[in-house]
Structure formats: structure tokens, C-alpha cells
Protein backbone atom coordinates (compact mmCIF):
# COMPACT_ATOMS: atom_id res chain seq x y z
CA MET A 1 206.04 78.89 81.64
CA PHE A 2 209.73 79.21 81.79
CA VAL A 3 211.64 77.55 84.18
CA ALA A 4 215.37 77.37 85.33
CA VAL A 5 216.50 74.58 87.34
CA VAL A 6 220.09 75.79 88.87
CA GLU A 7 222.70 73.53 90.39
CA VAL A 8 224.31 75.46 93.42
CA GLN A 9 227.21 73.96 95.53
CA LEU A 10 226.92 75.78 99.03
CA LYS A 11 230.03 76.63 100.92
CA LYS A 12 230.12 74.57 104.06
CA GLY A 13 228.26 75.29 106.94
CA MET A 14 226.08 78.12 104.73
CA GLU A 15 223.33 75.98 104.45
CA GLU A 16 221.03 77.95 106.82
CA GLU A 17 222.01 81.42 106.13
CA PHE A 18 221.22 80.47 102.56
CA LYS A 19 217.81 79.28 103.19
CA LYS A 20 217.21 82.66 104.93
CA TRP A 21 218.72 84.61 102.23
CA VAL A 22 216.23 82.61 99.49
CA ASN A 23 213.51 83.55 101.59
CA GLU A 24 214.51 87.31 101.91
CA SER A 25 215.27 87.67 98.20
CA ASN A 26 212.42 85.69 97.24
CA LYS A 27 210.35 89.10 98.36
CA ASP A 28 212.60 91.05 96.11
CA LEU A 29 212.17 88.95 92.97
CA SER A 30 208.22 88.62 93.89
CA LYS A 31 207.97 92.06 92.35
CA PHE A 32 209.44 91.49 88.80
CA ASP A 33 206.91 90.99 86.10
CA GLY A 34 206.36 87.47 85.41
CA PHE A 35 207.90 85.75 88.39
CA VAL A 36 205.85 82.70 89.61
CA ASN A 37 208.01 80.78 92.24
CA ARG A 38 211.34 79.99 93.29
CA ARG A 39 212.18 77.37 95.80
CA LEU A 40 215.35 75.54 97.30
CA LEU A 41 215.52 71.87 96.57
CA ALA A 42 218.00 69.29 98.37
CA THR A 43 218.86 65.88 97.68
CA ARG A 44 219.05 63.42 100.60
CA THR A 45 223.16 63.70 99.94
CA GLY A 46 222.95 67.18 100.58
CA LYS A 47 222.91 68.77 97.20
CA HIS A 48 221.26 71.66 96.42
CA ALA A 49 219.41 73.05 93.53
CA MET A 50 216.87 76.42 92.94
CA LEU A 51 213.94 75.74 90.94
CA VAL A 52 212.97 79.42 89.53
CA GLU A 53 209.53 79.66 87.61
CA PHE A 54 208.65 82.58 85.17
CA GLU A 55 205.67 83.27 82.95
CA ASN A 56 207.90 83.35 80.16
CA GLN A 57 211.75 83.45 79.02
CA GLU A 58 211.24 86.89 77.76
CA LYS A 59 210.37 88.15 81.34
CA PHE A 60 213.01 86.08 82.87
CA GLU A 61 215.59 87.80 80.50
CA LYS A 62 214.61 91.26 81.26
CA MET A 63 214.59 90.57 85.11
CA HIS A 64 218.11 89.52 84.86
CA GLN A 65 219.17 93.09 83.39
CA THR A 66 218.40 94.98 86.00
CA GLN A 67 220.46 96.61 89.11
CA GLU A 68 218.13 94.64 91.55
CA HIS A 69 218.82 91.34 90.05
CA PHE A 70 222.51 91.68 89.89
CA ARG A 71 222.47 92.65 93.61
CA ILE A 72 220.38 89.65 94.63
CA GLN A 73 222.47 87.75 92.41
CA SER A 74 225.62 88.98 93.87
CA LYS A 75 224.68 88.08 97.55
CA GLY A 76 223.62 84.68 96.56
CA HIS A 77 226.99 83.71 95.05
CA SER A 78 228.57 84.47 98.12
CA TYR A 79 227.52 81.48 99.80
CA MET A 80 228.35 79.51 96.88
CA GLU A 81 231.55 77.41 96.36
CA THR A 82 231.44 77.26 92.99
CA PRO A 83 229.18 79.38 90.42
CA PRO A 84 225.64 77.99 89.83
CA LYS A 85 224.87 75.78 87.10
CA PRO A 86 221.81 76.65 85.33
CA MET A 87 219.26 74.38 83.08
CA PHE A 88 216.70 76.11 81.25
CA TYR A 89 213.25 74.67 80.34
CA GLU A 90 209.83 75.41 78.64
CA VAL A 91 206.97 73.15 80.26
CA VAL A 92 205.30 71.57 77.43
CA ASN A 93 202.39 69.89 79.14
């Protein structure tokens, strides 16, 4: 399993709209081969991250090369104050 944890800083007042976008865009992302899950995380202090799970890194990267993903990503970035900061992991146990 390949996992991306993506730190996102939302624009002020955009959390509810971003949550709606996450739910809507998850429907589109679920059509990609290898997609497992994507969730929005929040700390008690109001920071956010996305947890993205794919079967493997190759399928994750293939999805990133599509126009559909570019469209989804562009819309998501419009809710953010700064560019997202991803960290990538392989599940080892």
C-alpha cells in the first residue's frame, strides 16, 4: 500500500466548501485503478491534512498524469492558502 499524507492550509472560511469538494472529488478519484481511499484530517487546532491511499506508487503516479486529476487538483488548490505539502509512505506492516 502506498500512502500520501498531504498537509493543506485552507483559506479562511473555506473549510465547509473544501469538505464538500473532498466528498465530490472522491467519487471521481474512486474510478482510478488502484485508488483505495482519501480522507480529510483535522487537528484540534484547526490544521488539515489529506490521507490518500493507493494500492501502489505506480498506480498513484499514473493517476497524477491524467487530465482528470489535473482538473480535480486545480479545483482543490483554489481552496488553499499555500500549495499542499505531501509526504509519501509505503505501508510496511
